[in-house]
PDB file of N, CA and C in Angstrom:
ATOM      1  N   MET A   1      23.349 -71.569 -15.744  1.00  0.00           N
ATOM      2  CA  MET A   1      24.770 -71.645 -15.525  1.00  0.00           C
ATOM      3  C   MET A   1      25.507 -72.009 -16.811  1.00  0.00           C
ATOM      4  N   LEU A   2      24.964 -72.957 -17.563  1.00  0.00           N
ATOM      5  CA  LEU A   2      25.642 -73.357 -18.781  1.00  0.00           C
ATOM      6  C   LEU A   2      25.590 -72.289 -19.860  1.00  0.00           C
ATOM      7  N   ILE A   3      24.584 -71.403 -19.783  1.00  0.00           N
ATOM      8  CA  ILE A   3      24.520 -70.321 -20.770  1.00  0.00           C
ATOM      9  C   ILE A   3      25.756 -69.445 -20.648  1.00  0.00           C
ATOM     10  N   SER A   4      26.162 -69.154 -19.416  1.00  0.00           N
ATOM     11  CA  SER A   4      27.373 -68.351 -19.248  1.00  0.00           C
ATOM     12  C   SER A   4      28.600 -69.123 -19.714  1.00  0.00           C
ATOM     13  N   LEU A   5      28.593 -70.432 -19.551  1.00  0.00           N
ATOM     14  CA  LEU A   5      29.698 -71.254 -20.040  1.00  0.00           C
ATOM     15  C   LEU A   5      29.778 -71.187 -21.567  1.00  0.00           C
ATOM     16  N   PHE A   6      28.626 -71.234 -22.218  1.00  0.00           N
ATOM     17  CA  PHE A   6      28.625 -71.120 -23.670  1.00  0.00           C
ATOM     18  C   PHE A   6      29.048 -69.726 -24.113  1.00  0.00           C
ATOM     19  N   GLY A   7      28.776 -68.706 -23.324  1.00  0.00           N
ATOM     20  CA  GLY A   7      29.275 -67.370 -23.629  1.00  0.00           C
ATOM     21  C   GLY A   7      30.793 -67.323 -23.592  1.00  0.00           C
ATOM     22  N   LEU A   8      31.367 -67.970 -22.591  1.00  0.00           N
ATOM     23  CA  LEU A   8      32.831 -68.044 -22.516  1.00  0.00           C
ATOM     24  C   LEU A   8      33.402 -68.865 -23.675  1.00  0.00           C
ATOM     25  N   LEU A   9      32.710 -69.941 -24.040  1.00  0.00           N
ATOM     26  CA  LEU A   9      33.165 -70.738 -25.183  1.00  0.00           C
ATOM     27  C   LEU A   9      33.126 -69.916 -26.471  1.00  0.00           C
ATOM     28  N   GLY A  10      32.086 -69.091 -26.621  1.00  0.00           N
ATOM     29  CA  GLY A  10      32.006 -68.223 -27.791  1.00  0.00           C
ATOM     30  C   GLY A  10      33.169 -67.249 -27.849  1.00  0.00           C
ATOM     31  N   ALA A  11      33.538 -66.701 -26.696  1.00  0.00           N
ATOM     32  CA  ALA A  11      34.677 -65.786 -26.654  1.00  0.00           C
ATOM     33  C   ALA A  11      35.979 -66.522 -26.961  1.00  0.00           C
ATOM     34  N   LEU A  12      36.106 -67.752 -26.496  1.00  0.00           N
ATOM     35  CA  LEU A  12      37.312 -68.528 -26.781  1.00  0.00           C
ATOM     36  C   LEU A  12      37.405 -68.915 -28.250  1.00  0.00           C
ATOM     37  N   ILE A  13      36.261 -69.201 -28.866  1.00  0.00           N
ATOM     38  CA  ILE A  13      36.253 -69.496 -30.304  1.00  0.00           C
ATOM     39  C   ILE A  13      36.674 -68.251 -31.081  1.00  0.00           C
ATOM     40  N   ALA A  14      36.183 -67.090 -30.660  1.00  0.00           N
ATOM     41  CA  ALA A  14      36.526 -65.842 -31.358  1.00  0.00           C
ATOM     42  C   ALA A  14      38.025 -65.573 -31.289  1.00  0.00           C
ATOM     43  N   SER A  15      38.647 -65.947 -30.179  1.00  0.00           N
ATOM     44  CA  SER A  15      40.085 -65.718 -30.046  1.00  0.00           C
ATOM     45  C   SER A  15      40.908 -66.936 -30.478  1.00  0.00           C
ATOM     46  N   ARG A  16      40.239 -67.926 -31.062  1.00  0.00           N
ATOM     47  CA  ARG A  16      40.879 -69.127 -31.612  1.00  0.00           C
ATOM     48  C   ARG A  16      41.707 -69.891 -30.572  1.00  0.00           C
ATOM     49  N   GLN A  17      41.142 -70.034 -29.371  1.00  0.00           N
ATOM     50  CA  GLN A  17      41.871 -70.717 -28.308  1.00  0.00           C
ATOM     51  C   GLN A  17      41.375 -72.133 -28.048  1.00  0.00           C
ATOM     52  N   ILE A  18      40.204 -72.504 -28.587  1.00  0.00           N
ATOM     53  CA  ILE A  18      39.713 -73.875 -28.457  1.00  0.00           C
ATOM     54  C   ILE A  18      39.142 -74.313 -29.804  1.00  0.00           C
ATOM     55  N   PRO A  19      39.096 -75.611 -30.067  1.00  0.00           N
ATOM     56  CA  PRO A  19      38.550 -76.073 -31.352  1.00  0.00           C
ATOM     57  C   PRO A  19      37.024 -75.960 -31.398  1.00  0.00           C
ATOM     58  N   LEU A  20      36.504 -75.638 -32.555  1.00  0.00           N
ATOM     59  CA  LEU A  20      35.065 -75.494 -32.751  1.00  0.00           C
ATOM     60  C   LEU A  20      34.339 -76.810 -32.510  1.00  0.00           C
ATOM     61  N   MET A  21      34.987 -77.927 -32.794  1.00  0.00           N
ATOM     62  CA  MET A  21      34.350 -79.241 -32.626  1.00  0.00           C
ATOM     63  C   MET A  21      33.924 -79.471 -31.176  1.00  0.00           C
ATOM     64  N   LEU A  22      34.682 -78.978 -30.222  1.00  0.00           N
ATOM     65  CA  LEU A  22      34.322 -79.126 -28.813  1.00  0.00           C
ATOM     66  C   LEU A  22      32.987 -78.441 -28.526  1.00  0.00           C
ATOM     67  N   VAL A  23      32.796 -77.260 -29.048  1.00  0.00           N
ATOM     68  CA  VAL A  23      31.552 -76.521 -28.830  1.00  0.00           C
ATOM     69  C   VAL A  23      30.388 -77.223 -29.532  1.00  0.00           C
ATOM     70  N   ILE A  24      30.625 -77.733 -30.722  1.00  0.00           N
ATOM     71  CA  ILE A  24      29.571 -78.442 -31.452  1.00  0.00           C
ATOM     72  C   ILE A  24      29.124 -79.686 -30.687  1.00  0.00           C
ATOM     73  N   VAL A  25      30.069 -80.439 -30.151  1.00  0.00           N
ATOM     74  CA  VAL A  25      29.729 -81.642 -29.375  1.00  0.00           C
ATOM     75  C   VAL A  25      28.950 -81.262 -28.115  1.00  0.00           C
ATOM     76  N   MET A  26      29.366 -80.195 -27.436  1.00  0.00           N
ATOM     77  CA  MET A  26      28.646 -79.764 -26.227  1.00  0.00           C
ATOM     78  C   MET A  26      27.227 -79.322 -26.564  1.00  0.00           C
ATOM     79  N   PHE A  27      27.077 -78.593 -27.665  1.00  0.00           N
ATOM     80  CA  PHE A  27      25.743 -78.128 -28.060  1.00  0.00           C
ATOM     81  C   PHE A  27      24.845 -79.298 -28.448  1.00  0.00           C
ATOM     82  N   LEU A  28      25.378 -80.235 -29.225  1.00  0.00           N
ATOM     83  CA  LEU A  28      24.582 -81.387 -29.641  1.00  0.00           C
ATOM     84  C   LEU A  28      24.228 -82.293 -28.474  1.00  0.00           C
ATOM     85  N   SER A  29      25.086 -82.362 -27.467  1.00  0.00           N
ATOM     86  CA  SER A  29      24.767 -83.192 -26.297  1.00  0.00           C
ATOM     87  C   SER A  29      23.573 -82.631 -25.532  1.00  0.00           C
ATOM     88  N   GLY A  30      23.276 -81.363 -25.701  1.00  0.00           N
ATOM     89  CA  GLY A  30      22.095 -80.784 -25.064  1.00  0.00           C
ATOM     90  C   GLY A  30      20.796 -81.382 -25.576  1.00  0.00           C
ATOM     91  N   PHE A  31      20.810 -81.918 -26.796  1.00  0.00           N
ATOM     92  CA  PHE A  31      19.610 -82.553 -27.332  1.00  0.00           C
ATOM     93  C   PHE A  31      19.356 -83.926 -26.715  1.00  0.00           C
ATOM     94  N   LEU A  32      20.357 -84.503 -26.071  1.00  0.00           N
ATOM     95  CA  LEU A  32      20.201 -85.816 -25.455  1.00  0.00           C
ATOM     96  C   LEU A  32      19.643 -85.741 -24.040  1.00  0.00           C
ATOM     97  N   VAL A  33      19.726 -84.578 -23.425  1.00  0.00           N
ATOM     98  CA  VAL A  33      19.264 -84.396 -22.054  1.00  0.00           C
ATOM     99  C   VAL A  33      17.913 -83.675 -22.083  1.00  0.00           C
ATOM    100  N   PRO A  34      16.908 -84.206 -21.385  1.00  0.00           N
ATOM    101  CA  PRO A  34      15.605 -83.543 -21.397  1.00  0.00           C
ATOM    102  C   PRO A  34      15.640 -82.201 -20.649  1.00  0.00           C
ATOM    103  N   ASN A  35      14.745 -81.305 -21.040  1.00  0.00           N
ATOM    104  CA  ASN A  35      14.562 -79.989 -20.401  1.00  0.00           C
ATOM    105  C   ASN A  35      15.787 -79.092 -20.502  1.00  0.00           C
ATOM    106  N   VAL A  36      16.514 -79.178 -21.587  1.00  0.00           N
ATOM    107  CA  VAL A  36      17.671 -78.321 -21.800  1.00  0.00           C
ATOM    108  C   VAL A  36      17.276 -77.238 -22.794  1.00  0.00           C
ATOM    109  N   ASP A  37      17.572 -75.984 -22.452  1.00  0.00           N
ATOM    110  CA  ASP A  37      17.245 -74.850 -23.308  1.00  0.00           C
ATOM    111  C   ASP A  37      18.393 -74.607 -24.282  1.00  0.00           C
ATOM    112  N   ASN A  38      18.348 -75.293 -25.419  1.00  0.00           N
ATOM    113  CA  ASN A  38      19.413 -75.140 -26.409  1.00  0.00           C
ATOM    114  C   ASN A  38      19.411 -73.764 -27.045  1.00  0.00           C
ATOM    115  N   TRP A  39      18.266 -73.105 -27.109  1.00  0.00           N
ATOM    116  CA  TRP A  39      18.234 -71.732 -27.620  1.00  0.00           C
ATOM    117  C   TRP A  39      18.999 -70.806 -26.688  1.00  0.00           C
ATOM    118  N   GLY A  40      18.898 -71.054 -25.391  1.00  0.00           N
ATOM    119  CA  GLY A  40      19.664 -70.271 -24.421  1.00  0.00           C
ATOM    120  C   GLY A  40      21.157 -70.486 -24.587  1.00  0.00           C
ATOM    121  N   HIS A  41      21.548 -71.737 -24.827  1.00  0.00           N
ATOM    122  CA  HIS A  41      22.964 -72.028 -25.055  1.00  0.00           C
ATOM    123  C   HIS A  41      23.464 -71.328 -26.321  1.00  0.00           C
ATOM    124  N   LEU A  42      22.647 -71.389 -27.371  1.00  0.00           N
ATOM    125  CA  LEU A  42      23.031 -70.736 -28.620  1.00  0.00           C
ATOM    126  C   LEU A  42      23.136 -69.226 -28.429  1.00  0.00           C
ATOM    127  N   GLY A  43      22.179 -68.645 -27.704  1.00  0.00           N
ATOM    128  CA  GLY A  43      22.229 -67.209 -27.431  1.00  0.00           C
ATOM    129  C   GLY A  43      23.446 -66.822 -26.609  1.00  0.00           C
ATOM    130  N   GLY A  44      23.779 -67.633 -25.606  1.00  0.00           N
ATOM    131  CA  GLY A  44      24.974 -67.370 -24.801  1.00  0.00           C
ATOM    132  C   GLY A  44      26.238 -67.445 -25.637  1.00  0.00           C
ATOM    133  N   PHE A  45      26.305 -68.456 -26.508  1.00  0.00           N
ATOM    134  CA  PHE A  45      27.470 -68.614 -27.378  1.00  0.00           C
ATOM    135  C   PHE A  45      27.613 -67.422 -28.320  1.00  0.00           C
ATOM    136  N   LEU A  46      26.514 -67.046 -28.980  1.00  0.00           N
ATOM    137  CA  LEU A  46      26.565 -65.923 -29.914  1.00  0.00           C
ATOM    138  C   LEU A  46      26.885 -64.611 -29.197  1.00  0.00           C
ATOM    139  N   GLY A  47      26.326 -64.436 -27.998  1.00  0.00           N
ATOM    140  CA  GLY A  47      26.630 -63.233 -27.231  1.00  0.00           C
ATOM    141  C   GLY A  47      28.103 -63.144 -26.870  1.00  0.00           C
ATOM    142  N   GLY A  48      28.667 -64.239 -26.395  1.00  0.00           N
ATOM    143  CA  GLY A  48      30.090 -64.255 -26.058  1.00  0.00           C
ATOM    144  C   GLY A  48      30.971 -64.036 -27.268  1.00  0.00           C
ATOM    145  N   TYR A  49      30.582 -64.660 -28.385  1.00  0.00           N
ATOM    146  CA  TYR A  49      31.352 -64.507 -29.622  1.00  0.00           C
ATOM    147  C   TYR A  49      31.312 -63.062 -30.119  1.00  0.00           C
ATOM    148  N   LEU A  50      30.108 -62.491 -30.165  1.00  0.00           N
ATOM    149  CA  LEU A  50      29.968 -61.125 -30.686  1.00  0.00           C
ATOM    150  C   LEU A  50      30.625 -60.088 -29.793  1.00  0.00           C
ATOM    151  N   ILE A  51      30.474 -60.234 -28.487  1.00  0.00           N
ATOM    152  CA  ILE A  51      31.120 -59.285 -27.581  1.00  0.00           C
ATOM    153  C   ILE A  51      32.629 -59.366 -27.718  1.00  0.00           C
ATOM    154  N   SER A  52      33.131 -60.571 -27.898  1.00  0.00           N
ATOM    155  CA  SER A  52      34.576 -60.741 -28.037  1.00  0.00           C
ATOM    156  C   SER A  52      35.086 -60.160 -29.349  1.00  0.00           C
ATOM    157  N   ARG A  53      34.348 -60.383 -30.440  1.00  0.00           N
ATOM    158  CA  ARG A  53      34.796 -59.899 -31.753  1.00  0.00           C
ATOM    159  C   ARG A  53      34.511 -58.413 -31.950  1.00  0.00           C
ATOM    160  N   ILE A  54      33.290 -57.993 -31.681  1.00  0.00           N
ATOM    161  CA  ILE A  54      32.895 -56.607 -31.939  1.00  0.00           C
ATOM    162  C   ILE A  54      33.373 -55.689 -30.826  1.00  0.00           C
ATOM    163  N   GLY A  55      33.283 -56.164 -29.600  1.00  0.00           N
ATOM    164  CA  GLY A  55      33.638 -55.325 -28.459  1.00  0.00           C
ATOM    165  C   GLY A  55      35.128 -55.113 -28.299  1.00  0.00           C
ATOM    166  N   GLY A  56      35.918 -55.854 -29.036  1.00  0.00           N
ATOM    167  CA  GLY A  56      37.365 -55.682 -28.936  1.00  0.00           C
ATOM    168  C   GLY A  56      37.927 -56.118 -27.602  1.00  0.00           C
ATOM    169  N   LEU A  57      37.362 -57.169 -27.040  1.00  0.00           N
ATOM    170  CA  LEU A  57      37.831 -57.648 -25.738  1.00  0.00           C
ATOM    171  C   LEU A  57      39.004 -58.602 -25.939  1.00  0.00           C
ATOM    172  N   ASP A  58      40.112 -58.053 -26.252  1.00  0.00           N
ATOM    173  CA  ASP A  58      41.326 -58.825 -26.461  1.00  0.00           C
ATOM    174  C   ASP A  58      42.263 -58.553 -25.290  1.00  0.00           C
ATOM    175  N   PRO A  59      42.676 -59.595 -24.565  1.00  0.00           N
ATOM    176  CA  PRO A  59      43.500 -59.366 -23.379  1.00  0.00           C
ATOM    177  C   PRO A  59      44.873 -58.762 -23.673  1.00  0.00           C
ATOM    178  N   ARG A  60      45.251 -58.716 -24.931  1.00  0.00           N
ATOM    179  CA  ARG A  60      46.553 -58.144 -25.267  1.00  0.00           C
ATOM    180  C   ARG A  60      46.549 -56.617 -25.297  1.00  0.00           C
ATOM    181  N   TYR A  61      45.359 -56.023 -25.287  1.00  0.00           N
ATOM    182  CA  TYR A  61      45.258 -54.571 -25.388  1.00  0.00           C
ATOM    183  C   TYR A  61      44.700 -53.979 -24.099  1.00  0.00           C
ATOM    184  N   GLN A  62      45.059 -52.745 -23.832  1.00  0.00           N
ATOM    185  CA  GLN A  62      44.601 -52.065 -22.625  1.00  0.00           C
ATOM    186  C   GLN A  62      43.118 -51.709 -22.755  1.00  0.00           C
ATOM    187  N   GLU A  63      42.413 -51.797 -21.632  1.00  0.00           N
ATOM    188  CA  GLU A  63      40.999 -51.455 -21.630  1.00  0.00           C
ATOM    189  C   GLU A  63      40.824 -49.948 -21.764  1.00  0.00           C
ATOM    190  N   GLY A  64      39.714 -49.568 -22.376  1.00  0.00           N
ATOM    191  CA  GLY A  64      39.424 -48.147 -22.552  1.00  0.00           C
ATOM    192  C   GLY A  64      37.998 -47.837 -22.137  1.00  0.00           C
ATOM    193  N   MET A  65      37.537 -46.653 -22.479  1.00  0.00           N
ATOM    194  CA  MET A  65      36.187 -46.227 -22.126  1.00  0.00           C
ATOM    195  C   MET A  65      35.131 -47.084 -22.817  1.00  0.00           C
ATOM    196  N   TRP A  66      35.442 -47.601 -24.001  1.00  0.00           N
ATOM    197  CA  TRP A  66      34.513 -48.469 -24.718  1.00  0.00           C
ATOM    198  C   TRP A  66      34.201 -49.712 -23.888  1.00  0.00           C
ATOM    199  N   HIS A  67      35.199 -50.255 -23.220  1.00  0.00           N
ATOM    200  CA  HIS A  67      34.990 -51.448 -22.391  1.00  0.00           C
ATOM    201  C   HIS A  67      34.125 -51.123 -21.178  1.00  0.00           C
ATOM    202  N   LEU A  68      34.327 -49.969 -20.594  1.00  0.00           N
ATOM    203  CA  LEU A  68      33.494 -49.550 -19.465  1.00  0.00           C
ATOM    204  C   LEU A  68      32.043 -49.387 -19.912  1.00  0.00           C
ATOM    205  N   PHE A  69      31.843 -48.797 -21.071  1.00  0.00           N
ATOM    206  CA  PHE A  69      30.499 -48.621 -21.620  1.00  0.00           C
ATOM    207  C   PHE A  69      29.819 -49.971 -21.831  1.00  0.00           C
ATOM    208  N   LEU A  70      30.536 -50.938 -22.418  1.00  0.00           N
ATOM    209  CA  LEU A  70      29.977 -52.276 -22.619  1.00  0.00           C
ATOM    210  C   LEU A  70      29.660 -52.960 -21.292  1.00  0.00           C
ATOM    211  N   ALA A  71      30.521 -52.792 -20.304  1.00  0.00           N
ATOM    212  CA  ALA A  71      30.284 -53.406 -18.991  1.00  0.00           C
ATOM    213  C   ALA A  71      29.031 -52.834 -18.336  1.00  0.00           C
ATOM    214  N   ILE A  72      28.829 -51.531 -18.447  1.00  0.00           N
ATOM    215  CA  ILE A  72      27.636 -50.900 -17.861  1.00  0.00           C
ATOM    216  C   ILE A  72      26.377 -51.393 -18.569  1.00  0.00           C
ATOM    217  N   ILE A  73      26.435 -51.526 -19.891  1.00  0.00           N
ATOM    218  CA  ILE A  73      25.283 -52.047 -20.636  1.00  0.00           C
ATOM    219  C   ILE A  73      24.983 -53.485 -20.210  1.00  0.00           C
ATOM    220  N   CYS A  74      26.009 -54.311 -20.079  1.00  0.00           N
ATOM    221  CA  CYS A  74      25.812 -55.708 -19.654  1.00  0.00           C
ATOM    222  C   CYS A  74      25.222 -55.780 -18.249  1.00  0.00           C
ATOM    223  N   LEU A  75      25.696 -54.941 -17.352  1.00  0.00           N
ATOM    224  CA  LEU A  75      25.141 -54.921 -15.992  1.00  0.00           C
ATOM    225  C   LEU A  75      23.681 -54.489 -16.002  1.00  0.00           C
ATOM    226  N   ALA A  76      23.350 -53.477 -16.812  1.00  0.00           N
ATOM    227  CA  ALA A  76      21.965 -53.012 -16.893  1.00  0.00           C
ATOM    228  C   ALA A  76      21.061 -54.100 -17.464  1.00  0.00           C
ATOM    229  N   LEU A  77      21.523 -54.794 -18.511  1.00  0.00           N
ATOM    230  CA  LEU A  77      20.725 -55.875 -19.085  1.00  0.00           C
ATOM    231  C   LEU A  77      20.557 -57.041 -18.118  1.00  0.00           C
ATOM    232  N   THR A  78      21.583 -57.318 -17.342  1.00  0.00           N
ATOM    233  CA  THR A  78      21.477 -58.369 -16.321  1.00  0.00           C
ATOM    234  C   THR A  78      20.442 -58.001 -15.274  1.00  0.00           C
ATOM    235  N   ALA A  79      20.486 -56.751 -14.803  1.00  0.00           N
ATOM    236  CA  ALA A  79      19.504 -56.286 -13.804  1.00  0.00           C
ATOM    237  C   ALA A  79      18.089 -56.345 -14.374  1.00  0.00           C
ATOM    238  N   LEU A  80      17.921 -55.961 -15.640  1.00  0.00           N
ATOM    239  CA  LEU A  80      16.596 -56.028 -16.266  1.00  0.00           C
ATOM    240  C   LEU A  80      16.104 -57.456 -16.401  1.00  0.00           C
ATOM    241  N   SER A  81      16.983 -58.371 -16.757  1.00  0.00           N
ATOM    242  CA  SER A  81      16.555 -59.766 -16.912  1.00  0.00           C
ATOM    243  C   SER A  81      16.198 -60.393 -15.566  1.00  0.00           C
ATOM    244  N   ILE A  82      16.937 -60.042 -14.527  1.00  0.00           N
ATOM    245  CA  ILE A  82      16.597 -60.550 -13.186  1.00  0.00           C
ATOM    246  C   ILE A  82      15.257 -59.986 -12.738  1.00  0.00           C
ATOM    247  N   SER A  83      15.052 -58.695 -12.978  1.00  0.00           N
ATOM    248  CA  SER A  83      13.771 -58.066 -12.621  1.00  0.00           C
ATOM    249  C   SER A  83      12.620 -58.710 -13.377  1.00  0.00           C
ATOM    250  N   ALA A  84      12.809 -58.956 -14.663  1.00  0.00           N
ATOM    251  CA  ALA A  84      11.757 -59.582 -15.465  1.00  0.00           C
ATOM    252  C   ALA A  84      11.458 -60.996 -14.980  1.00  0.00           C
ATOM    253  N   SER A  85      12.481 -61.728 -14.564  1.00  0.00           N
ATOM    254  CA  SER A  85      12.237 -63.092 -14.080  1.00  0.00           C
ATOM    255  C   SER A  85      11.511 -63.089 -12.742  1.00  0.00           C
ATOM    256  N   ILE A  86      11.715 -62.046 -11.940  1.00  0.00           N
ATOM    257  CA  ILE A  86      10.994 -61.941 -10.666  1.00  0.00           C
ATOM    258  C   ILE A  86       9.545 -61.555 -10.909  1.00  0.00           C
ATOM    259  N   VAL A  87       9.315 -60.604 -11.802  1.00  0.00           N
ATOM    260  CA  VAL A  87       7.956 -60.136 -12.094  1.00  0.00           C
ATOM    261  C   VAL A  87       7.141 -61.232 -12.774  1.00  0.00           C
ATOM    262  N   ASN A  88       7.756 -61.960 -13.689  1.00  0.00           N
ATOM    263  CA  ASN A  88       7.062 -63.005 -14.446  1.00  0.00           C
ATOM    264  C   ASN A  88       7.406 -64.390 -13.919  1.00  0.00           C
ATOM    265  N   PHE A  89       7.412 -64.548 -12.615  1.00  0.00           N
ATOM    266  CA  PHE A  89       7.816 -65.812 -11.996  1.00  0.00           C
ATOM    267  C   PHE A  89       6.876 -66.931 -12.416  1.00  0.00           C
ATOM    268  N   VAL A  90       7.465 -68.021 -12.893  1.00  0.00           N
ATOM    269  CA  VAL A  90       6.703 -69.228 -13.233  1.00  0.00           C
ATOM    270  C   VAL A  90       7.298 -70.366 -12.414  1.00  0.00           C
ATOM    271  N   PRO A  91       6.515 -70.967 -11.524  1.00  0.00           N
ATOM    272  CA  PRO A  91       7.052 -72.053 -10.713  1.00  0.00           C
ATOM    273  C   PRO A  91       7.419 -73.268 -11.554  1.00  0.00           C
ATOM    274  N   TYR A  92       8.459 -73.941 -11.140  1.00  0.00           N
ATOM    275  CA  TYR A  92       8.936 -75.136 -11.839  1.00  0.00           C
ATOM    276  C   TYR A  92       8.037 -76.315 -11.516  1.00  0.00           C
ATOM    277  N   THR A  93       7.516 -76.939 -12.554  1.00  0.00           N
ATOM    278  CA  THR A  93       6.707 -78.162 -12.358  1.00  0.00           C
ATOM    279  C   THR A  93       7.190 -79.197 -13.351  1.00  0.00           C
ATOM    280  N   GLN A  94       7.037 -80.448 -12.981  1.00  0.00           N
ATOM    281  CA  GLN A  94       7.457 -81.534 -13.882  1.00  0.00           C
ATOM    282  C   GLN A  94       6.285 -82.137 -14.574  1.00  0.00           C
TER     283      GLN A  94
END
């Protein structure tokens, strides 16, 4: 769940709507909590940032075919990741 939050934070940083210090504090706080996947948070942040900057996802402009193409790719990657997690199921143990 937090990975998607970091993706949104990355998009907000790209559009300069929140201070970078907030994201740094949130990322560093992950080191204080056990069993936190900070690489996942970093990947979510970078994904949100790159999609926002490269994909041209600016709410001030009208969506085009490029946005539809990106959405289809994201949906396909989501379906593949869910399938992979089902096939390679590892039960949670402490």
